[in-house]
Structure formats: C-alpha cells, structure tokens
Protein backbone atom coordinates (compact mmCIF):
# COMPACT_ATOMS: atom_id res chain seq x y z
CA MET A 1 6.73 -45.86 -2.27
CA ALA A 2 8.90 -44.31 0.42
CA ASP A 3 10.18 -41.62 -1.92
CA LYS A 4 7.41 -39.22 -2.86
CA MET A 5 7.56 -36.07 -4.94
CA LEU A 6 6.12 -33.13 -3.02
CA THR A 7 4.72 -30.08 -4.77
CA THR A 8 4.21 -26.70 -3.11
CA VAL A 9 3.01 -23.29 -4.22
CA SER A 10 5.06 -20.11 -4.22
CA PRO A 11 6.74 -18.42 -2.50
CA HIS A 12 9.55 -21.01 -2.41
CA LEU A 13 12.11 -20.25 0.26
CA HIS A 14 15.71 -21.45 0.14
CA MET A 15 17.55 -19.38 2.72
CA LYS A 16 18.34 -20.04 6.34
CA ASP A 17 15.69 -18.89 8.81
CA GLU A 18 13.58 -17.46 5.98
CA THR A 19 9.97 -18.37 6.64
CA ILE A 20 6.66 -16.77 5.78
CA GLN A 21 5.98 -16.01 9.43
CA ARG A 22 9.37 -14.31 9.87
CA ALA A 23 8.84 -12.22 6.73
CA MET A 24 5.35 -11.14 7.78
CA ARG A 25 6.63 -10.26 11.24
CA ASP A 26 9.31 -8.10 9.65
CA VAL A 27 6.66 -6.24 7.65
CA LEU A 28 4.60 -5.59 10.78
CA ILE A 29 7.70 -4.32 12.60
CA ALA A 30 8.55 -2.01 9.69
CA LEU A 31 5.01 -0.59 9.67
CA THR A 32 4.83 0.01 13.43
CA PRO A 33 6.57 3.46 13.47
CA VAL A 34 4.24 4.67 10.72
CA ALA A 35 1.21 3.48 12.68
CA ILE A 36 2.40 5.21 15.85
CA TRP A 37 2.97 8.49 14.04
CA ALA A 38 -0.43 8.21 12.36
CA VAL A 39 -2.04 7.88 15.80
CA ILE A 40 -0.27 11.05 16.93
CA VAL A 41 -1.47 12.98 13.87
CA PHE A 42 -4.97 11.50 13.43
CA GLY A 43 -5.83 10.29 16.94
CA MET A 44 -7.24 6.97 18.15
CA ASN A 45 -9.33 6.65 15.00
CA VAL A 46 -6.25 5.00 13.49
CA VAL A 47 -6.20 2.35 16.22
CA TYR A 48 -9.93 1.64 15.79
CA ILE A 49 -9.55 1.22 12.02
CA ILE A 50 -6.52 -1.07 12.27
CA ALA A 51 -8.18 -3.14 15.01
CA VAL A 52 -11.40 -3.63 13.05
CA SER A 53 -9.45 -4.52 9.91
CA MET A 54 -7.32 -7.11 11.76
CA ILE A 55 -10.25 -8.70 13.58
CA THR A 56 -12.27 -8.93 10.36
CA ALA A 57 -9.30 -10.39 8.49
CA ALA A 58 -8.71 -13.04 11.16
CA LEU A 59 -12.37 -14.09 11.26
CA SER A 60 -12.55 -14.09 7.45
CA GLU A 61 -9.56 -16.38 7.11
CA LEU A 62 -10.78 -18.75 9.82
CA LEU A 63 -14.22 -18.94 8.19
CA MET A 64 -12.98 -19.40 4.64
CA ARG A 65 -10.42 -22.04 5.59
CA LYS A 66 -13.16 -23.88 7.47
CA ILE A 67 -15.53 -23.73 4.49
CA ARG A 68 -12.81 -24.87 2.11
CA GLY A 69 -11.77 -27.68 4.43
CA CYS A 70 -8.17 -26.45 4.56
CA LYS A 71 -5.65 -26.28 7.36
CA GLN A 72 -5.81 -23.07 9.36
CA THR A 73 -2.91 -20.73 8.51
CA LEU A 74 -3.65 -17.73 10.70
CA GLY A 75 -0.34 -18.25 12.45
CA ASP A 76 1.68 -17.27 9.39
CA LEU A 77 0.53 -13.65 9.97
CA SER A 78 -0.19 -13.06 6.26
CA ALA A 79 -3.81 -12.11 6.98
CA MET A 80 -2.63 -9.63 9.64
CA VAL A 81 -0.25 -7.97 7.21
CA THR A 82 -3.04 -7.71 4.63
CA ALA A 83 -5.32 -6.17 7.26
CA VAL A 84 -2.81 -3.53 8.33
CA LEU A 85 -1.91 -2.62 4.75
CA PHE A 86 -5.56 -2.24 3.83
CA ALA A 87 -6.13 -0.02 6.88
CA PHE A 88 -3.16 2.10 5.75
CA LEU A 89 -4.85 2.69 2.38
CA VAL A 90 -7.93 4.47 3.77
CA PRO A 91 -8.41 7.87 5.46
CA ALA A 92 -8.49 8.10 9.24
CA THR A 93 -12.23 8.94 9.23
CA THR A 94 -13.39 5.95 7.17
CA PRO A 95 -16.46 4.35 8.82
CA LEU A 96 -15.55 1.14 10.64
CA TRP A 97 -18.21 -0.86 8.79
CA VAL A 98 -16.63 0.18 5.47
CA VAL A 99 -13.23 -0.92 6.82
CA ALA A 100 -14.73 -4.29 7.81
CA ILE A 101 -16.19 -4.80 4.32
CA GLY A 102 -12.89 -3.94 2.67
CA SER A 103 -10.88 -6.21 4.96
CA PHE A 104 -13.30 -9.08 4.33
CA ILE A 105 -13.00 -8.62 0.56
CA ALA A 106 -9.20 -8.55 0.82
CA VAL A 107 -8.84 -11.78 2.78
CA ALA A 108 -11.94 -13.81 1.93
CA VAL A 109 -12.09 -12.99 -1.78
CA PHE A 110 -8.69 -11.93 -3.11
CA LYS A 111 -6.69 -14.23 -0.82
CA GLU A 112 -8.70 -17.31 0.12
CA LEU A 113 -10.98 -17.70 -2.91
CA PHE A 114 -7.88 -17.64 -5.08
CA GLY A 115 -6.55 -20.60 -3.10
CA GLY A 116 -4.77 -18.95 -0.20
CA LEU A 117 -1.30 -17.49 0.21
CA GLY A 118 0.89 -18.33 -2.76
CA LYS A 119 -1.97 -18.68 -5.25
CA ASN A 120 -3.43 -15.17 -5.25
CA VAL A 121 -2.88 -13.20 -8.45
CA PHE A 122 -3.38 -9.76 -6.89
CA ASN A 123 -2.06 -8.18 -3.74
CA PRO A 124 -5.19 -8.62 -1.55
CA ALA A 125 -5.00 -5.22 0.16
CA ILE A 126 -4.45 -3.39 -3.13
CA ALA A 127 -7.22 -5.33 -4.88
CA ALA A 128 -9.74 -4.61 -2.11
CA ARG A 129 -8.86 -0.89 -2.15
CA VAL A 130 -9.22 -0.70 -5.93
CA LEU A 131 -12.59 -2.45 -5.76
CA LEU A 132 -13.69 -0.09 -3.00
CA TYR A 133 -12.41 2.82 -5.08
CA PHE A 134 -14.83 1.98 -7.91
CA SER A 135 -17.78 1.08 -5.68
CA PRO A 136 -20.50 3.30 -4.17
CA LEU A 137 -18.61 3.04 -0.86
CA ALA A 138 -15.82 5.16 -2.32
CA LEU A 139 -17.64 8.28 -1.13
CA TYR A 140 -16.92 7.29 2.48
CA ALA A 141 -13.21 6.72 1.84
CA GLN A 142 -12.30 9.81 -0.18
CA LYS A 143 -12.62 12.52 2.45
CA TYR A 144 -9.34 13.33 4.15
CA PRO A 145 -9.39 15.27 7.45
CA GLU A 146 -6.69 17.77 8.25
CA PRO A 147 -3.89 16.75 10.64
CA PHE A 148 -4.74 16.91 14.34
CA PHE A 149 -8.46 17.10 13.61
CA TRP A 150 -8.92 15.30 16.91
CA LYS A 151 -8.32 18.59 18.71
CA THR A 152 -11.88 19.48 17.71
CA SER A 153 -13.56 16.14 18.44
CA GLY A 154 -11.32 14.65 21.12
CA PHE A 155 -8.36 12.29 20.85
CA PHE A 156 -10.30 9.12 21.78
CA THR A 157 -13.64 9.99 20.16
CA PRO A 158 -14.42 7.77 17.15
CA VAL A 159 -15.23 10.01 14.17
CA ALA A 160 -16.35 8.83 10.73
CA ALA A 161 -17.42 10.35 7.43
CA SER A 162 -21.17 10.09 6.85
CA ILE A 163 -23.57 10.88 4.02
CA ASN A 164 -25.42 14.11 4.71
CA ASP A 165 -29.15 13.30 4.54
CA GLY A 166 -28.57 10.94 1.63
CA ALA A 167 -27.38 13.74 -0.65
CA ALA A 168 -24.86 12.31 -3.08
CA GLY A 169 -21.42 13.82 -2.82
CA ARG A 170 -22.08 15.56 0.50
CA VAL A 171 -20.24 14.15 3.48
CA ILE A 172 -20.23 15.26 7.09
CA TYR A 173 -18.40 13.90 10.11
CA LYS A 174 -20.19 12.20 13.00
CA THR A 175 -19.18 10.54 16.23
CA LEU A 176 -20.02 6.93 17.02
CA ALA A 177 -23.01 8.20 18.98
CA GLY A 178 -24.34 10.01 15.92
CA GLY A 179 -23.48 13.56 16.90
CA SER A 180 -22.08 15.90 14.25
CA VAL A 181 -18.50 17.14 14.56
CA ASP A 182 -17.22 20.35 13.00
CA ILE A 183 -14.31 18.92 11.02
CA MET A 184 -13.30 20.13 7.59
CA SER A 185 -11.98 17.91 4.83
CA ALA A 186 -8.50 18.88 3.70
CA ALA A 187 -7.06 19.00 0.23
CA THR A 188 -4.18 16.54 0.01
CA PRO A 189 -0.89 17.71 -1.55
CA LEU A 190 -1.60 15.58 -4.63
CA SER A 191 -5.04 17.17 -4.97
CA LEU A 192 -3.40 20.60 -5.05
CA LEU A 193 -0.95 19.42 -7.69
CA LYS A 194 -3.73 17.93 -9.80
CA SER A 195 -5.98 20.99 -9.56
CA GLY A 196 -3.16 23.33 -10.55
CA LYS A 197 -3.31 25.26 -7.27
CA TRP A 198 0.25 24.29 -6.43
CA GLY A 199 1.65 26.74 -8.93
CA VAL A 200 -0.34 29.78 -7.86
CA ASP A 201 1.06 32.45 -5.59
CA ALA A 202 -1.22 31.51 -2.72
CA VAL A 203 -3.82 28.90 -1.89
CA LEU A 204 -7.01 30.73 -1.03
CA GLY A 205 -10.47 29.66 0.10
CA PRO A 206 -12.01 28.02 3.16
CA THR A 207 -10.67 24.52 2.49
CA PRO A 208 -7.55 23.85 4.58
CA ILE A 209 -4.56 22.54 2.70
CA GLY A 210 -4.04 19.69 5.12
CA ALA A 211 -0.54 20.53 6.33
CA THR A 212 0.51 21.89 9.69
CA TYR A 213 3.52 23.71 8.28
CA VAL A 214 3.19 25.77 5.10
CA ASN A 215 5.51 27.90 3.05
CA GLY A 216 5.12 31.57 2.21
CA ALA A 217 2.76 30.82 -0.68
CA GLY A 218 0.37 28.93 1.57
CA ARG A 219 1.28 25.49 0.24
CA PRO A 220 2.51 22.47 2.23
CA SER A 221 6.20 22.86 2.95
CA PHE A 222 8.64 20.20 1.86
CA SER A 223 9.32 19.26 5.49
CA SER A 224 5.62 18.68 6.20
CA LEU A 225 5.49 16.22 3.29
CA PHE A 226 8.68 14.42 4.25
CA PHE A 227 8.09 14.13 7.99
CA GLY A 228 4.34 13.55 7.85
CA LEU A 229 2.25 16.60 8.70
CA LYS A 230 -0.22 16.51 5.87
CA SER A 231 -3.63 15.20 4.94
CA GLY A 232 -3.95 11.81 3.29
CA SER A 233 -4.48 8.13 3.97
CA ILE A 234 -3.22 6.59 7.21
CA GLY A 235 -0.24 4.85 5.63
CA GLU A 236 1.06 7.74 3.53
CA ILE A 237 1.49 10.08 6.45
CA SER A 238 5.32 10.10 6.70
CA ALA A 239 7.68 9.45 3.79
CA LEU A 240 10.63 9.38 6.20
CA LEU A 241 9.22 6.56 8.34
CA LEU A 242 8.19 4.58 5.26
CA ILE A 243 11.71 4.85 3.86
CA ILE A 244 13.17 3.71 7.19
CA GLY A 245 10.75 0.78 7.29
CA GLY A 246 11.56 -0.11 3.70
CA ALA A 247 15.31 0.04 4.43
CA TYR A 248 14.77 -2.35 7.35
CA LEU A 249 12.99 -4.84 5.07
CA ILE A 250 15.78 -4.60 2.50
CA TYR A 251 18.41 -5.07 5.23
CA ARG A 252 16.54 -8.14 6.45
CA ARG A 253 16.31 -9.30 2.82
CA THR A 254 12.57 -9.62 3.26
CA VAL A 255 12.00 -7.60 0.08
CA ASP A 256 14.12 -7.18 -3.04
CA TRP A 257 15.59 -3.69 -3.42
CA ARG A 258 15.25 -3.77 -7.21
CA ILE A 259 11.47 -3.26 -7.16
CA PRO A 260 11.35 -0.07 -5.02
CA ALA A 261 14.45 1.22 -6.79
CA GLY A 262 12.77 0.71 -10.16
CA ILE A 263 9.52 2.34 -9.07
CA ILE A 264 10.93 5.35 -7.23
CA GLY A 265 13.81 5.92 -9.64
CA THR A 266 11.63 5.78 -12.76
CA PHE A 267 8.91 7.99 -11.31
CA PHE A 268 11.39 10.58 -10.08
CA LEU A 269 13.24 10.62 -13.41
CA LEU A 270 10.03 11.17 -15.39
CA SER A 271 8.90 13.89 -12.96
CA LEU A 272 12.31 15.52 -13.26
CA VAL A 273 12.32 15.46 -17.07
CA THR A 274 8.83 16.96 -17.26
CA TRP A 275 9.44 19.12 -14.15
CA TYR A 276 6.16 17.96 -12.66
CA GLN A 277 7.10 19.12 -9.14
CA PRO A 278 9.54 16.18 -8.75
CA GLY A 279 10.43 16.69 -5.09
CA TYR A 280 6.90 17.28 -3.84
CA ASN A 281 5.43 14.57 -6.06
CA LEU A 282 7.95 12.03 -4.81
CA PHE A 283 7.02 12.42 -1.14
CA SER A 284 3.26 12.92 -1.61
CA GLY A 285 0.62 10.24 -1.80
CA GLY A 286 1.22 6.52 -1.45
CA LEU A 287 4.35 6.15 -3.59
CA MET A 288 6.65 5.09 -0.74
CA LEU A 289 4.05 2.80 0.82
CA GLY A 290 3.38 1.13 -2.51
CA ALA A 291 7.03 0.84 -3.54
CA PHE A 292 8.32 -0.74 -0.32
CA PHE A 293 5.33 -2.61 1.10
CA MET A 294 2.81 -3.36 -1.69
CA ALA A 295 4.65 -3.97 -4.95
CA THR A 296 7.27 -6.14 -3.21
CA ASP A 297 4.75 -8.82 -2.26
CA TRP A 298 6.49 -12.16 -2.89
CA VAL A 299 3.54 -13.85 -4.52
CA THR A 300 2.43 -11.11 -6.91
CA SER A 301 5.84 -9.85 -8.05
CA PRO A 302 8.22 -11.50 -10.54
CA VAL A 303 10.68 -14.13 -9.37
CA THR A 304 13.64 -13.18 -11.58
CA ARG A 305 15.97 -10.21 -11.21
CA ARG A 306 15.33 -9.06 -14.77
CA GLY A 307 11.62 -9.46 -14.18
CA LYS A 308 11.78 -7.35 -11.02
CA TRP A 309 13.43 -4.49 -12.91
CA ILE A 310 10.81 -4.60 -15.68
CA TYR A 311 8.05 -4.81 -13.07
CA GLY A 312 9.39 -1.89 -11.00
CA VAL A 313 10.05 0.37 -13.98
CA GLY A 314 6.61 -0.48 -15.40
CA ILE A 315 4.88 0.50 -12.17
CA GLY A 316 6.86 3.74 -11.97
CA VAL A 317 5.88 4.69 -15.54
CA THR A 318 2.23 3.78 -14.91
CA ILE A 319 2.05 5.86 -11.72
CA PHE A 320 3.48 8.86 -13.55
CA ILE A 321 0.98 8.48 -16.42
CA LEU A 322 -1.97 8.16 -14.03
CA ARG A 323 -0.90 11.16 -11.94
CA PHE A 324 0.02 13.34 -14.91
CA TRP A 325 -2.82 12.55 -17.31
CA GLY A 326 -5.36 10.58 -15.26
CA PRO A 327 -8.57 12.04 -13.85
CA ARG A 328 -7.50 11.35 -10.25
CA PRO A 329 -4.50 12.76 -8.38
CA GLU A 330 -3.22 9.35 -7.24
CA GLY A 331 -2.48 6.15 -9.15
CA VAL A 332 -0.25 3.90 -7.04
CA ALA A 333 -2.87 1.27 -6.16
CA ILE A 334 -4.16 0.99 -9.72
CA ALA A 335 -0.64 0.79 -11.14
CA ILE A 336 0.35 -2.07 -8.82
CA PHE A 337 -2.98 -3.81 -9.47
CA VAL A 338 -2.37 -3.70 -13.24
CA TRP A 339 1.22 -4.90 -12.98
CA ASN A 340 0.18 -7.78 -10.72
CA ILE A 341 -1.41 -9.12 -13.90
CA GLY A 342 1.75 -8.23 -15.79
CA THR A 343 3.71 -10.46 -13.40
CA LEU A 344 2.12 -13.51 -15.01
CA VAL A 345 3.40 -12.41 -18.41
CA ILE A 346 6.85 -11.46 -17.10
CA ASP A 347 7.38 -14.79 -15.35
CA ARG A 348 6.10 -16.78 -18.31
CA TYR A 349 7.74 -15.03 -21.25
CA ILE A 350 10.50 -12.77 -19.93
CA ALA A 351 12.09 -14.96 -17.26
CA VAL A 352 15.60 -16.36 -17.60
CA PRO A 353 15.24 -19.34 -19.98
CA LYS A 354 15.72 -22.83 -18.61
CA PHE A 355 18.51 -25.04 -19.90
CA GLY A 356 17.81 -25.98 -23.49
CA GLU A 357 14.90 -23.53 -23.79
CA LEU A 358 14.80 -20.62 -26.22
CA GLY A 359 13.70 -17.45 -24.42
CA VAL A 360 12.81 -13.95 -25.55
CA GLY A 361 16.27 -12.69 -26.49
CA VAL A 362 15.82 -8.94 -26.16
CA PHE A 363 14.66 -9.18 -22.56
CA ASN A 364 17.12 -11.85 -21.53
CA LYS A 365 19.99 -9.55 -22.52
CA ILE A 366 19.06 -7.17 -19.70
CA PRO A 367 22.00 -7.36 -17.25
CA ALA A 368 21.37 -8.98 -13.89
CA LEU A 369 23.40 -7.64 -10.97
CA PRO A 370 25.24 -10.21 -8.84
CA GLU A 371 23.39 -11.66 -5.91
CA PRO A 372 24.92 -13.33 -2.82
CA ALA A 373 24.67 -17.09 -2.76
CA PRO A 374 22.01 -18.46 -0.39
CA GLN A 375 23.23 -19.72 2.96
CA ALA A 376 23.03 -23.42 3.52
CA VAL A 377 20.65 -24.62 6.20
CA LYS A 378 22.48 -26.52 8.93
CA LYS A 379 20.73 -29.64 10.07
CA GLU A 380 20.50 -30.11 13.78
CA ALA A 381 22.05 -33.25 15.12
C-alpha cells in the first residue's frame, strides 16, 4: 500500500522551476508596463478598476473554496491574473460595481464552479467579458472616453458611465459623488474602420476620434495606435507594450510562441490579401492582448504543437471574419471563447496519436517544429 498512483489535473509541469505561481507572476510582470501606461492615459480610474477587480476575485475564490470544502489556492496568483485581465477588457470609465460583478462571474463561476484551476473549459476573464457583452450591463462597458479625459474631471476623481435618466442607450459620465462630468465618448479606431469613416478624406462631426495624434485626414495616426494614444479598453492601449510583455513571456517560456504567431500571422495575412487596412487593423483593438495573454492560457489551449498551430490559426481566421463581416467592430474575445471549446476537440481528435493508436492522419501529418528537451530537476541532497 506504500506505492499509490496519484492523479492530478492539467496543467502538468515537467520543467525545472516551472510552477503555476511562477507563471502567474510572470504574467503580472508582463502586464505591469501596460497598466502603468493606461494610468497615464486614463488616470487613476484604471487603478480603481484593477483594485476592485482583484479584491472581488480574491474574496470570490476564498468564498467558493470554502463552500466547496477545498484547499485555499489564492497563493498561486491565478485569481489575481484573471482579475487583472478582466479589468483590462473593460473601458476606463466602467462603473466599479459592474467591474465587481464581472470579476465575481470570472472567478466564482467560470473558474471555481468548473472545479478550479486546471478544470475550467473557458478562459475565465474572456468568458466573463463575453457574458457581460451580451447582458444588459453591456451598456455601461461600451462607452470609451478619449485619452487624457481626466484633464476635464481631475486625475484622481473616480468617473463612471451612467444611464441618463433611465433612457436606454443614453450614457453620461458622473463622479463617485454623483456630479455630472463633461466628458465625450470617443470613437475607437476599430469603430471608424467598421463604420467606413476610415476611408473618407476627413473625419467630421462632434465625436472625437479618440487619438491624441492624428494624420492629415483627421484619423488616428499609425504611431498613436502603436504607442497607445487612442480610445479603447484599458488593456488594448499600447500595442508596443503588449508585444514587449508577450516577448518576455515567450522568453521565460511561460507561453508557447506558436499560438500568438498563428493568431497574428493569420489575421495579418487575411487583412493583407483583402487589403482591409492591415497595418491599422493589426494594432487596433484587443488583438495583441488576446494573442499573447488570453489565448495562451495553459488550461484552455491545446497541449500539442500541432494543436497549438490549428488553434492559433483558427482564432486568427475567426477574428478576421468577425471584424470584416460581423455586426461589431471587435471579435477577439468571442473568437477565443469559441476556440476554447474547440480545444476539447483538438486535444481529443487531432492530437499526436499514442503508441498503437490510429489517429486522424491528415492532421497528424502537419509538421511539428523541434522543441528543446525539458531540463531535469535536480534533487537536493
């Protein structure tokens, strides 16, 4: 009876010093420059939103683990990563109570009710944002203020979108004390692309375009998109910083490079072939955030190298379809949400066949690039 077979849930780690806590810490480090820049552009509202999301996530995990009679796992930092990623998916003027509801749904429902880390089918932050997207609360989280809106209200003043006298579709901005603030919603670069205003000679009208630097035609300049001087969600503010953070995660081997390469490469190629503003489309919206930080989630992405390529390419194609033909300008969250389900199919039917097992031949012929052998763990004397 001394020898017992132990079973554990994914992710299964086989490399030296590779733990869940270390991986989650790497993600938080990679996201820190983006968060700092978002504070500069959108003010302390970013800090309030992230703080509320993290506190709610921590309390939700503690409560759900207590109810389920499970060991507390707050120390692995997975709930904190989920909280920050969810906060990055909403505008900087989202009401704090809406943020708290979304963070609770992410951790309590899509993480803990599924059995905890390793058993969740969907990326919790993505799933909560998609659910919020199709709920009545979406009205509060679809108004994007222009960069440096805090110059009107004050850097430290909490400002949130609010329903104007209960009139559906009409949103105004109010301080925490209830006073109105004269802040205009800005059209995001993707909104301009979707509405067809990107191709006109000039963008006219009272609605600001949401970029500090514009070109001669009145549209956001390429530099404003790349460096992060545009309207949008908190986490999509700077493509440059997201790429740097993603490169850090790849260097640390926290994420697999095949998934972001498949997503970004496929999307850019399709945009290039159709000439759907490939450069501007690539650095607008949440493509970089989703490719490096959302789709690469260990639990909800395929485990094989062939599977990762199929998964990444599939997400890239889906994002392009949703942006090009869908009713909304963005489609990253929905695409990842759909392919989280596809992961189950990929791992079951398209994975490398086991010894003596007949697999699906056409997919198993996809070449797999070489991968360094895992380092052996040295036992301490």
